[in-house]
Amino acid sequence: MIEWRGPSPFYFIPMPEAASKKIKALAAQLTYGWGVIPVLGKIGKTDFSTALIPKDGVYYLPIKNAVRFAENLEVGAEVSVLISVGS
């Protein structure tokens, strides 16, 4: 997990390149604008909804504080996440 520091911090999980390529192949059918793709996600016991954001050839999964705190996620951690795209 990485942190982007703007006016307030945001947290993201970069998707692996292979998964990003598969998603990109379907992006035109899945996006609701600006290339973002709605997803349902699950980390540990926590379900959430968000949208993948394309950047530098891969997709980034935003992680809300509610998810981060519930699953004790830290910057730099390798995180396993289950996603359903186009949800």
N, C-alpha and C. Protein backbone atom coordinates (compact mmCIF):
# COMPACT_ATOMS: atom_id res chain seq x y z
N MET A 1 0.85 -1.16 0.00
CA MET A 1 0.00 0.00 0.00
C MET A 1 0.90 1.23 0.00
N ILE A 2 0.48 2.22 -0.77
CA ILE A 2 1.24 3.46 -0.84
C ILE A 2 0.39 4.63 -0.34
N GLU A 3 1.04 5.70 -0.02
CA GLU A 3 0.37 6.91 0.43
C GLU A 3 0.68 8.05 -0.53
N TRP A 4 -0.34 8.78 -0.92
CA TRP A 4 -0.17 10.00 -1.70
C TRP A 4 -0.53 11.15 -0.77
N ARG A 5 0.43 12.05 -0.59
CA ARG A 5 0.19 13.18 0.32
C ARG A 5 -0.18 14.41 -0.49
N GLY A 6 -1.42 14.79 -0.37
CA GLY A 6 -1.89 16.04 -0.95
C GLY A 6 -2.33 16.90 0.21
N PRO A 7 -3.39 17.68 0.01
CA PRO A 7 -3.93 18.44 1.13
C PRO A 7 -4.32 17.50 2.28
N SER A 8 -4.73 16.28 1.93
CA SER A 8 -4.96 15.24 2.94
C SER A 8 -4.43 13.94 2.35
N PRO A 9 -4.01 13.01 3.18
CA PRO A 9 -3.41 11.78 2.62
C PRO A 9 -4.46 10.87 1.99
N PHE A 10 -4.06 10.19 0.94
CA PHE A 10 -4.86 9.17 0.31
C PHE A 10 -4.02 7.91 0.23
N TYR A 11 -4.67 6.75 0.28
CA TYR A 11 -3.97 5.47 0.29
C TYR A 11 -4.44 4.63 -0.90
N PHE A 12 -3.50 3.94 -1.54
CA PHE A 12 -3.79 3.15 -2.73
C PHE A 12 -3.03 1.84 -2.70
N ILE A 13 -3.60 0.85 -3.38
CA ILE A 13 -2.90 -0.40 -3.65
C ILE A 13 -2.71 -0.46 -5.15
N PRO A 14 -1.47 -0.44 -5.64
CA PRO A 14 -1.24 -0.59 -7.08
C PRO A 14 -1.58 -2.02 -7.50
N MET A 15 -2.34 -2.15 -8.57
CA MET A 15 -2.68 -3.47 -9.08
C MET A 15 -1.48 -4.03 -9.84
N PRO A 16 -1.28 -5.35 -9.82
CA PRO A 16 -0.19 -5.94 -10.59
C PRO A 16 -0.36 -5.66 -12.09
N GLU A 17 0.76 -5.62 -12.81
CA GLU A 17 0.72 -5.31 -14.25
C GLU A 17 -0.16 -6.28 -15.02
N ALA A 18 -0.08 -7.57 -14.72
CA ALA A 18 -0.87 -8.57 -15.45
C ALA A 18 -2.37 -8.33 -15.25
N ALA A 19 -2.77 -8.06 -14.02
CA ALA A 19 -4.18 -7.78 -13.75
C ALA A 19 -4.60 -6.48 -14.42
N SER A 20 -3.73 -5.49 -14.39
CA SER A 20 -4.04 -4.20 -15.02
C SER A 20 -4.25 -4.35 -16.52
N LYS A 21 -3.45 -5.20 -17.16
CA LYS A 21 -3.61 -5.43 -18.61
C LYS A 21 -4.96 -6.06 -18.92
N LYS A 22 -5.37 -7.03 -18.10
CA LYS A 22 -6.67 -7.67 -18.30
C LYS A 22 -7.81 -6.67 -18.11
N ILE A 23 -7.69 -5.85 -17.10
CA ILE A 23 -8.73 -4.84 -16.84
C ILE A 23 -8.76 -3.82 -17.98
N LYS A 24 -7.59 -3.39 -18.43
CA LYS A 24 -7.52 -2.40 -19.50
C LYS A 24 -8.18 -2.91 -20.78
N ALA A 25 -8.07 -4.20 -21.04
CA ALA A 25 -8.68 -4.79 -22.23
C ALA A 25 -10.21 -4.66 -22.20
N LEU A 26 -10.77 -4.58 -21.01
CA LEU A 26 -12.22 -4.46 -20.84
C LEU A 26 -12.67 -3.06 -20.45
N ALA A 27 -11.72 -2.14 -20.32
CA ALA A 27 -12.00 -0.81 -19.77
C ALA A 27 -13.11 -0.06 -20.49
N ALA A 28 -13.15 -0.12 -21.80
CA ALA A 28 -14.17 0.62 -22.55
C ALA A 28 -15.58 0.18 -22.17
N GLN A 29 -15.75 -1.08 -21.80
CA GLN A 29 -17.05 -1.60 -21.40
C GLN A 29 -17.37 -1.33 -19.93
N LEU A 30 -16.35 -1.06 -19.13
CA LEU A 30 -16.51 -0.97 -17.68
C LEU A 30 -16.49 0.44 -17.12
N THR A 31 -15.82 1.37 -17.80
CA THR A 31 -15.61 2.70 -17.24
C THR A 31 -16.90 3.52 -17.21
N TYR A 32 -16.99 4.40 -16.24
CA TYR A 32 -18.10 5.34 -16.22
C TYR A 32 -17.60 6.76 -16.48
N GLY A 33 -16.40 6.87 -16.98
CA GLY A 33 -15.82 8.16 -17.35
C GLY A 33 -14.43 8.33 -16.80
N TRP A 34 -13.62 9.10 -17.51
CA TRP A 34 -12.24 9.41 -17.13
C TRP A 34 -11.38 8.18 -16.95
N GLY A 35 -11.83 7.03 -17.43
CA GLY A 35 -11.05 5.81 -17.32
C GLY A 35 -11.16 5.08 -16.00
N VAL A 36 -11.91 5.64 -15.04
CA VAL A 36 -12.07 4.95 -13.76
C VAL A 36 -13.08 3.82 -13.91
N ILE A 37 -12.86 2.76 -13.17
CA ILE A 37 -13.68 1.56 -13.28
C ILE A 37 -14.24 1.19 -11.91
N PRO A 38 -15.57 1.13 -11.79
CA PRO A 38 -16.15 0.78 -10.49
C PRO A 38 -15.83 -0.67 -10.11
N VAL A 39 -15.57 -0.88 -8.83
CA VAL A 39 -15.27 -2.22 -8.32
C VAL A 39 -15.89 -2.41 -6.94
N LEU A 40 -16.13 -3.67 -6.63
CA LEU A 40 -16.41 -4.09 -5.27
C LEU A 40 -15.16 -4.79 -4.80
N GLY A 41 -14.74 -4.52 -3.58
CA GLY A 41 -13.52 -5.11 -3.07
C GLY A 41 -13.72 -5.76 -1.72
N LYS A 42 -12.78 -6.62 -1.39
CA LYS A 42 -12.78 -7.25 -0.07
C LYS A 42 -11.35 -7.45 0.37
N ILE A 43 -11.04 -6.93 1.54
CA ILE A 43 -9.75 -7.14 2.19
C ILE A 43 -10.06 -7.73 3.55
N GLY A 44 -9.54 -8.92 3.80
CA GLY A 44 -9.86 -9.60 5.06
C GLY A 44 -11.36 -9.81 5.18
N LYS A 45 -11.95 -9.26 6.23
CA LYS A 45 -13.39 -9.39 6.46
C LYS A 45 -14.16 -8.15 6.02
N THR A 46 -13.46 -7.18 5.43
CA THR A 46 -14.08 -5.90 5.11
C THR A 46 -14.41 -5.78 3.63
N ASP A 47 -15.70 -5.58 3.33
CA ASP A 47 -16.18 -5.34 1.97
C ASP A 47 -16.29 -3.84 1.75
N PHE A 48 -16.02 -3.40 0.52
CA PHE A 48 -16.12 -1.97 0.21
C PHE A 48 -16.35 -1.77 -1.28
N SER A 49 -16.78 -0.58 -1.65
CA SER A 49 -16.91 -0.22 -3.06
C SER A 49 -16.05 1.00 -3.32
N THR A 50 -15.48 1.06 -4.52
CA THR A 50 -14.63 2.16 -4.92
C THR A 50 -14.48 2.11 -6.43
N ALA A 51 -13.49 2.77 -6.98
CA ALA A 51 -13.23 2.73 -8.41
C ALA A 51 -11.74 2.70 -8.66
N LEU A 52 -11.30 1.83 -9.57
CA LEU A 52 -9.90 1.77 -9.96
C LEU A 52 -9.55 3.01 -10.75
N ILE A 53 -8.36 3.54 -10.52
CA ILE A 53 -7.88 4.75 -11.19
C ILE A 53 -6.66 4.38 -12.03
N PRO A 54 -6.69 4.68 -13.34
CA PRO A 54 -5.52 4.37 -14.16
C PRO A 54 -4.41 5.40 -13.97
N LYS A 55 -3.16 4.91 -13.86
CA LYS A 55 -2.01 5.81 -13.73
C LYS A 55 -0.75 5.05 -14.12
N ASP A 56 0.00 5.62 -15.04
CA ASP A 56 1.30 5.05 -15.44
C ASP A 56 1.19 3.59 -15.89
N GLY A 57 0.13 3.23 -16.61
CA GLY A 57 0.01 1.90 -17.17
C GLY A 57 -0.57 0.83 -16.26
N VAL A 58 -0.85 1.17 -15.02
CA VAL A 58 -1.50 0.22 -14.10
C VAL A 58 -2.70 0.91 -13.46
N TYR A 59 -3.49 0.12 -12.76
CA TYR A 59 -4.62 0.68 -12.03
C TYR A 59 -4.28 0.73 -10.54
N TYR A 60 -4.81 1.76 -9.89
CA TYR A 60 -4.64 1.94 -8.46
C TYR A 60 -5.98 1.80 -7.78
N LEU A 61 -6.00 1.04 -6.69
CA LEU A 61 -7.20 0.82 -5.91
C LEU A 61 -7.17 1.72 -4.68
N PRO A 62 -8.06 2.73 -4.63
CA PRO A 62 -8.09 3.60 -3.45
C PRO A 62 -8.56 2.81 -2.22
N ILE A 63 -7.95 3.07 -1.09
CA ILE A 63 -8.31 2.40 0.15
C ILE A 63 -8.85 3.44 1.13
N LYS A 64 -10.11 3.30 1.47
CA LYS A 64 -10.75 4.22 2.40
C LYS A 64 -10.22 3.98 3.82
N ASN A 65 -10.25 5.03 4.63
CA ASN A 65 -9.79 4.89 6.02
C ASN A 65 -10.57 3.83 6.77
N ALA A 66 -11.88 3.71 6.50
CA ALA A 66 -12.68 2.70 7.20
C ALA A 66 -12.13 1.30 6.94
N VAL A 67 -11.68 1.05 5.73
CA VAL A 67 -11.09 -0.25 5.38
C VAL A 67 -9.70 -0.36 5.99
N ARG A 68 -8.92 0.69 5.84
CA ARG A 68 -7.54 0.70 6.35
C ARG A 68 -7.50 0.44 7.86
N PHE A 69 -8.36 1.12 8.59
CA PHE A 69 -8.38 0.95 10.05
C PHE A 69 -8.95 -0.41 10.46
N ALA A 70 -10.02 -0.86 9.78
CA ALA A 70 -10.64 -2.14 10.13
C ALA A 70 -9.69 -3.31 9.93
N GLU A 71 -8.82 -3.20 8.92
CA GLU A 71 -7.89 -4.30 8.59
C GLU A 71 -6.46 -4.02 9.04
N ASN A 72 -6.25 -2.94 9.79
CA ASN A 72 -4.91 -2.59 10.30
C ASN A 72 -3.86 -2.54 9.20
N LEU A 73 -4.18 -1.86 8.10
CA LEU A 73 -3.26 -1.76 6.97
C LEU A 73 -2.29 -0.61 7.18
N GLU A 74 -1.04 -0.86 6.84
CA GLU A 74 0.01 0.14 6.99
C GLU A 74 0.65 0.43 5.64
N VAL A 75 1.16 1.64 5.48
CA VAL A 75 1.88 2.01 4.27
C VAL A 75 3.06 1.05 4.11
N GLY A 76 3.26 0.57 2.90
CA GLY A 76 4.34 -0.36 2.62
C GLY A 76 3.94 -1.83 2.73
N ALA A 77 2.77 -2.08 3.30
CA ALA A 77 2.31 -3.46 3.46
C ALA A 77 1.91 -4.05 2.12
N GLU A 78 2.18 -5.34 1.94
CA GLU A 78 1.67 -6.07 0.79
C GLU A 78 0.28 -6.55 1.19
N VAL A 79 -0.71 -6.22 0.37
CA VAL A 79 -2.10 -6.47 0.73
C VAL A 79 -2.75 -7.37 -0.31
N SER A 80 -3.45 -8.41 0.16
CA SER A 80 -4.24 -9.25 -0.73
C SER A 80 -5.65 -8.68 -0.78
N VAL A 81 -6.13 -8.48 -2.00
CA VAL A 81 -7.47 -7.91 -2.16
C VAL A 81 -8.21 -8.69 -3.23
N LEU A 82 -9.48 -8.90 -3.01
CA LEU A 82 -10.35 -9.56 -3.97
C LEU A 82 -11.23 -8.47 -4.56
N ILE A 83 -11.26 -8.35 -5.90
CA ILE A 83 -12.11 -7.32 -6.51
C ILE A 83 -13.01 -7.93 -7.57
N SER A 84 -14.15 -7.28 -7.73
CA SER A 84 -15.09 -7.60 -8.80
C SER A 84 -15.25 -6.33 -9.60
N VAL A 85 -14.80 -6.33 -10.87
CA VAL A 85 -14.83 -5.11 -11.68
C VAL A 85 -16.19 -4.90 -12.32
N GLY A 86 -16.49 -3.61 -12.57
CA GLY A 86 -17.74 -3.25 -13.22
C GLY A 86 -18.94 -3.35 -12.32
N SER A 87 -18.72 -3.36 -11.01
CA SER A 87 -19.82 -3.50 -10.06
C SER A 87 -20.34 -2.17 -9.58
